[in-house]
Protein backbone atom coordinates (compact mmCIF):
# COMPACT_ATOMS: atom_id res chain seq x y z
CA UNK A 1 0.00 0.00 0.00
CA UNK A 2 1.34 3.46 -0.98
CA UNK A 3 0.46 6.83 0.55
CA UNK A 4 1.48 10.14 -1.02
CA UNK A 5 0.54 13.80 -0.76
CA UNK A 6 -1.41 15.21 -3.71
CA UNK A 7 -1.41 18.94 -4.25
CA UNK A 8 -4.57 20.98 -4.86
CA UNK A 9 -6.18 20.80 -8.29
CA UNK A 10 -9.38 21.45 -10.21
CA UNK A 11 -11.76 18.54 -10.66
CA UNK A 12 -14.74 18.15 -12.95
CA UNK A 13 -17.85 16.55 -11.48
CA UNK A 14 -20.02 14.03 -13.41
CA UNK A 15 -22.51 16.85 -13.99
CA UNK A 16 -19.91 18.92 -15.82
CA UNK A 17 -19.18 21.48 -13.10
CA UNK A 18 -15.67 22.37 -11.94
CA UNK A 19 -14.64 22.63 -8.29
CA UNK A 20 -11.36 23.04 -6.44
CA UNK A 21 -9.92 20.17 -4.39
CA UNK A 22 -7.34 21.20 -1.80
CA UNK A 23 -4.12 19.31 -1.02
CA UNK A 24 -4.76 15.93 0.59
CA UNK A 25 -3.27 12.50 1.25
CA UNK A 26 -4.00 9.66 -1.18
CA UNK A 27 -3.61 6.00 -0.33
CA UNK A 28 -3.42 3.39 -3.08
CA UNK A 29 -3.16 -0.38 -2.90
CA UNK A 30 -0.11 -2.10 -4.40
CA UNK A 31 3.62 -1.87 -3.94
CA UNK A 32 4.45 0.19 -7.04
CA UNK A 33 4.72 3.91 -6.22
CA UNK A 34 2.40 6.14 -8.20
CA UNK A 35 4.14 8.54 -10.60
CA UNK A 36 2.67 11.67 -12.06
CA UNK A 37 2.18 11.22 -15.80
CA UNK A 38 4.35 13.43 -17.92
CA UNK A 39 2.50 16.21 -19.73
CA UNK A 40 5.03 16.21 -22.58
CA UNK A 41 4.29 13.75 -25.35
CA UNK A 42 7.01 12.34 -27.52
CA UNK A 43 6.60 12.27 -31.28
CA UNK A 44 8.74 10.54 -33.84
CA UNK A 45 9.72 12.92 -36.61
CA UNK A 46 9.12 11.53 -40.08
CA UNK A 47 10.50 13.49 -43.00
CA UNK A 48 7.94 14.01 -45.76
CA UNK A 49 9.45 13.67 -49.22
CA UNK A 50 6.99 14.64 -51.96
CA UNK A 51 7.02 12.51 -55.10
CA UNK A 52 7.39 14.74 -58.17
CA UNK A 53 4.87 14.46 -60.95
CA UNK A 54 6.20 12.71 -64.04
CA UNK A 55 6.95 15.01 -67.00
CA UNK A 56 4.18 15.12 -69.56
CA UNK A 57 4.58 15.01 -73.36
CA UNK A 58 4.43 18.38 -75.13
CA UNK A 59 1.25 19.17 -77.02
CA UNK A 60 2.93 21.31 -79.69
CA UNK A 61 6.16 20.53 -81.53
CA UNK A 62 7.72 23.91 -80.76
CA UNK A 63 7.16 23.47 -77.01
CA UNK A 64 10.50 21.66 -77.01
CA UNK A 65 12.15 25.01 -77.77
CA UNK A 66 9.90 27.76 -76.41
CA UNK A 67 7.37 27.98 -73.60
CA UNK A 68 3.78 28.68 -74.71
CA UNK A 69 3.00 32.01 -73.08
CA UNK A 70 -0.79 32.28 -73.42
CA UNK A 71 -4.07 30.44 -73.77
CA UNK A 72 -6.50 30.99 -76.58
CA UNK A 73 -9.26 33.32 -75.27
CA UNK A 74 -11.80 31.24 -77.26
CA UNK A 75 -10.93 27.54 -76.75
CA UNK A 76 -8.34 27.75 -73.95
CA UNK A 77 -5.57 25.89 -75.84
CA UNK A 78 -1.93 26.71 -75.06
CA UNK A 79 -0.56 28.98 -77.80
CA UNK A 80 2.44 31.15 -78.64
CA UNK A 81 1.45 34.80 -78.34
CA UNK A 82 3.13 37.87 -79.82
CA UNK A 83 2.03 41.43 -79.12
CA UNK A 84 3.61 44.84 -79.53
CA UNK A 85 3.02 48.18 -77.88
CA UNK A 86 0.86 49.36 -80.78
CA UNK A 87 -1.92 46.87 -80.03
CA UNK A 88 -1.07 44.28 -82.68
CA UNK A 89 -1.32 40.71 -81.45
CA UNK A 90 -1.25 37.26 -83.00
CA UNK A 91 -1.57 33.68 -81.72
CA UNK A 92 0.41 30.80 -83.26
CA UNK A 93 -0.02 27.06 -82.84
CA UNK A 94 3.68 26.64 -83.66
CA UNK A 95 6.65 29.00 -83.94
CA UNK A 96 8.88 28.89 -87.01
CA UNK A 97 8.01 28.29 -90.68
CA UNK A 98 5.30 28.06 -91.83
CA UNK A 99 4.15 29.92 -88.67
CA UNK A 100 0.64 28.33 -88.43
CA UNK A 101 -1.76 30.76 -86.81
CA UNK A 102 -4.28 29.57 -84.24
CA UNK A 103 -7.63 29.30 -86.09
CA UNK A 104 -9.82 30.64 -83.26
CA UNK A 105 -8.16 34.07 -83.36
CA UNK A 106 -7.19 34.18 -87.04
CA UNK A 107 -10.49 35.79 -88.01
CA UNK A 108 -11.50 39.30 -89.04
CA UNK A 109 -14.06 39.42 -86.22
CA UNK A 110 -11.46 38.70 -83.56
CA UNK A 111 -8.88 41.08 -85.06
CA UNK A 112 -11.48 43.86 -84.94
CA UNK A 113 -11.67 43.40 -81.17
CA UNK A 114 -7.91 43.85 -80.76
CA UNK A 115 -7.44 46.92 -78.61
CA UNK A 116 -4.45 49.22 -78.53
CA UNK A 117 -2.19 49.35 -75.50
CA UNK A 118 -1.51 45.61 -75.22
CA UNK A 119 1.83 45.09 -73.39
CA UNK A 120 4.71 43.82 -75.55
CA UNK A 121 4.84 40.03 -75.28
CA UNK A 122 6.51 37.04 -76.93
CA UNK A 123 7.12 33.35 -76.09
CA UNK A 124 9.93 32.80 -73.57
CA UNK A 125 12.88 30.43 -73.69
CA UNK A 126 13.49 27.73 -71.10
CA UNK A 127 16.56 27.86 -68.89
CA UNK A 128 19.57 26.15 -70.48
CA UNK A 129 19.28 22.87 -68.57
CA UNK A 130 15.49 22.80 -68.69
CA UNK A 131 15.64 23.44 -72.43
CA UNK A 132 18.09 20.59 -73.03
CA UNK A 133 15.84 18.24 -71.09
CA UNK A 134 12.71 19.42 -72.89
CA UNK A 135 14.36 18.83 -76.27
CA UNK A 136 15.64 15.37 -75.26
CA UNK A 137 12.25 14.44 -73.84
CA UNK A 138 10.49 15.51 -77.04
CA UNK A 139 13.02 13.68 -79.22
CA UNK A 140 12.46 10.47 -77.26
CA UNK A 141 8.74 10.74 -78.09
CA UNK A 142 9.17 11.39 -81.81
CA UNK A 143 9.35 7.68 -82.58
CA UNK A 144 5.93 7.02 -81.07
CA UNK A 145 2.66 7.00 -82.95
CA UNK A 146 1.87 10.66 -82.34
CA UNK A 147 4.43 11.76 -79.75
CA UNK A 148 1.61 13.39 -77.76
CA UNK A 149 1.44 16.11 -80.44
CA UNK A 150 -1.51 17.83 -82.03
CA UNK A 151 -2.25 17.26 -85.69
CA UNK A 152 -0.65 20.61 -86.51
CA UNK A 153 2.39 19.68 -84.43
CA UNK A 154 2.91 16.40 -86.29
CA UNK A 155 2.67 18.13 -89.67
CA UNK A 156 4.94 20.97 -88.55
CA UNK A 157 7.59 18.63 -87.13
CA UNK A 158 8.17 16.97 -90.48
CA UNK A 159 9.61 20.20 -91.92
CA UNK A 160 10.86 21.98 -88.81
CA UNK A 161 13.76 24.42 -89.14
CA UNK A 162 16.64 24.50 -86.63
CA UNK A 163 16.22 27.04 -83.78
CA UNK A 164 19.07 29.43 -82.95
CA UNK A 165 19.57 31.86 -80.09
CA UNK A 166 20.51 35.42 -81.04
CA UNK A 167 23.63 36.36 -79.04
CA UNK A 168 24.43 39.68 -80.73
CA UNK A 169 22.95 41.98 -83.37
CA UNK A 170 25.21 44.50 -85.12
CA UNK A 171 24.41 46.98 -87.84
CA UNK A 172 26.48 46.39 -90.97
CA UNK A 173 27.20 48.72 -93.88
CA UNK A 174 24.43 46.98 -95.76
CA UNK A 175 22.01 45.10 -93.54
CA UNK A 176 22.84 43.26 -90.30
CA UNK A 177 25.46 40.99 -88.75
CA UNK A 178 24.10 38.33 -86.39
CA UNK A 179 25.93 36.11 -83.90
CA UNK A 180 23.90 32.94 -83.34
CA UNK A 181 24.18 29.66 -81.45
CA UNK A 182 22.03 26.59 -81.89
CA UNK A 183 19.50 26.67 -79.07
CA UNK A 184 20.34 24.71 -75.86
CA UNK A 185 23.64 23.36 -77.20
CA UNK A 186 27.34 24.00 -76.56
CA UNK A 187 28.15 24.30 -80.22
CA UNK A 188 30.40 27.17 -81.28
CA UNK A 189 28.55 30.39 -82.08
CA UNK A 190 28.41 31.34 -85.75
CA UNK A 191 28.22 34.68 -87.53
CA UNK A 192 25.70 35.37 -90.28
CA UNK A 193 25.10 38.42 -92.45
CA UNK A 194 22.02 39.62 -94.27
CA UNK A 195 21.23 42.60 -96.46
CA UNK A 196 17.78 42.93 -94.85
CA UNK A 197 16.91 44.63 -91.57
CA UNK A 198 14.53 43.17 -88.97
CA UNK A 199 13.71 44.09 -85.37
CA UNK A 200 15.81 41.54 -83.44
CA UNK A 201 17.65 41.70 -80.12
CA UNK A 202 19.91 39.46 -78.05
CA UNK A 203 17.89 36.62 -76.52
CA UNK A 204 15.45 36.28 -79.42
CA UNK A 205 15.04 32.95 -81.22
CA UNK A 206 15.34 32.60 -84.99
CA UNK A 207 15.14 29.59 -87.31
CA UNK A 208 17.70 28.62 -89.97
CA UNK A 209 17.64 26.24 -92.91
CA UNK A 210 19.57 26.16 -96.20
CA UNK A 211 20.73 29.78 -96.21
CA UNK A 212 17.38 31.15 -95.05
CA UNK A 213 16.46 32.67 -91.70
CA UNK A 214 12.92 32.98 -90.40
CA UNK A 215 11.87 35.05 -87.39
CA UNK A 216 9.07 37.16 -86.02
CA UNK A 217 9.66 40.87 -86.70
CA UNK A 218 8.18 42.74 -83.75
CA UNK A 219 8.48 46.04 -85.65
CA UNK A 220 6.31 44.92 -88.57
CA UNK A 221 4.53 42.39 -86.35
CA UNK A 222 4.74 39.57 -88.85
CA UNK A 223 6.80 36.49 -89.56
CA UNK A 224 9.51 37.12 -92.14
CA UNK A 225 11.96 34.91 -94.03
CA UNK A 226 15.15 36.37 -95.46
CA UNK A 227 18.39 35.09 -97.03
CA UNK A 228 21.51 34.93 -94.82
CA UNK A 229 25.16 34.18 -95.54
CA UNK A 230 27.58 32.31 -93.28
CA UNK A 231 30.48 34.58 -92.24
CA UNK A 232 32.47 32.36 -89.86
CA UNK A 233 32.70 31.19 -86.26
CA UNK A 234 32.48 33.62 -83.35
CA UNK A 235 35.05 33.72 -80.54
CA UNK A 236 33.06 32.70 -77.45
CA UNK A 237 35.55 30.35 -75.77
CA UNK A 238 34.97 31.79 -72.29
CA UNK A 239 31.23 31.19 -72.41
CA UNK A 240 31.64 27.66 -73.72
CA UNK A 241 34.12 26.76 -70.97
CA UNK A 242 31.76 27.98 -68.29
CA UNK A 243 28.83 26.03 -69.72
CA UNK A 244 30.89 22.84 -70.00
CA UNK A 245 31.82 23.15 -66.32
CA UNK A 246 28.15 23.49 -65.41
CA UNK A 247 27.34 20.36 -67.38
CA UNK A 248 29.95 18.27 -65.55
CA UNK A 249 27.60 15.98 -63.64
CA UNK A 250 24.79 18.21 -62.40
CA UNK A 251 22.82 21.37 -63.17
CA UNK A 252 23.99 24.76 -61.97
CA UNK A 253 23.55 25.25 -58.23
CA UNK A 254 20.86 27.84 -58.95
CA UNK A 255 18.89 25.45 -61.19
CA UNK A 256 15.31 25.11 -59.88
CA UNK A 257 13.78 21.78 -58.91
CA UNK A 258 12.69 20.11 -62.13
CA UNK A 259 13.22 17.15 -64.46
CA UNK A 260 16.59 17.14 -66.23
CA UNK A 261 18.55 14.72 -68.40
CA UNK A 262 19.67 11.75 -66.28
CA UNK A 263 23.43 12.19 -65.63
CA UNK A 264 23.85 8.39 -65.32
CA UNK A 265 22.48 7.80 -68.80
CA UNK A 266 20.24 4.97 -67.55
CA UNK A 267 17.02 6.94 -68.06
CA UNK A 268 15.76 9.88 -70.09
CA UNK A 269 15.00 12.03 -67.01
CA UNK A 270 16.03 12.23 -63.36
CA UNK A 271 14.49 14.65 -60.87
CA UNK A 272 16.70 17.44 -59.45
CA UNK A 273 15.18 18.78 -56.19
CA UNK A 274 17.12 22.03 -56.23
CA UNK A 275 20.18 20.75 -54.35
CA UNK A 276 20.75 17.11 -55.36
CA UNK A 277 19.65 14.35 -57.73
CA UNK A 278 16.82 12.18 -56.37
CA UNK A 279 15.88 8.55 -57.02
CA UNK A 280 12.85 9.57 -59.13
CA UNK A 281 13.35 8.83 -62.83
CA UNK A 282 11.19 8.77 -65.94
CA UNK A 283 11.53 7.17 -69.38
CA UNK A 284 9.91 10.26 -70.87
CA UNK A 285 6.48 8.78 -71.59
CA UNK A 286 4.65 10.24 -68.59
CA UNK A 287 5.39 7.33 -66.23
CA UNK A 288 7.45 7.51 -63.04
CA UNK A 289 9.98 5.02 -61.69
CA UNK A 290 12.52 4.83 -58.84
CA UNK A 291 16.22 4.14 -59.36
CA UNK A 292 18.74 5.33 -56.69
CA UNK A 293 21.93 6.88 -57.97
CA UNK A 294 24.07 4.38 -56.03
């Protein structure tokens, strides 16, 4: 039998009321001393690791190069949207020749509704590593029945021109001098000349094929195709060296969490969580698997 002193405390009666009970002695049967239960509960910490969603196939062929920057105001489809400060705007299903316009907005009735003062807008490029992965993902799907593409995308892909990033635009005595590099690659930059003049700037994307260059002229607000001549290779050794260092095994430390090309080569994609490679991999068809690096 054990006797101990219990300090005063509040007690609730069966009827729900509360009343104070002063300090008193308590006697309990048994030889084990009574211990006050601890008010602190112990919890086992379990780290929650979210499973990334598997990358999905692109719906347009050009989505491997540029990010669709708008939705059609009529049907809601993802489209490539260009607008200038004068109120001109146009929606494309694909970028690059033959520049197929989105049918919902390629009507006189819709163009009549186009109001002035629309902010300047154009499709945006992916980051370097994200762009390489998007292109590799899309290429892995090209051998499938439809590659997840729309009908326009399948037709467009059969005659697609090569995309190039504009690094520098210089005025020449007659026309322009352009320094270009194939988009999302480490190939040496090349210099091209043309006798025409178009509204281009560093960071724009143009398309080349067989001595022809096609681009969207924001000044005239229309797609144009013009002849260009190869003038040599540009000296960009410093930039190439830096990019090769970044590609040595992992994305740049500032690369956001996303799917990138698997550095082991065992899969098409591996998920980068912002600081390290994870075990989540994908063959590029929308499915998700697990394969640890080690």
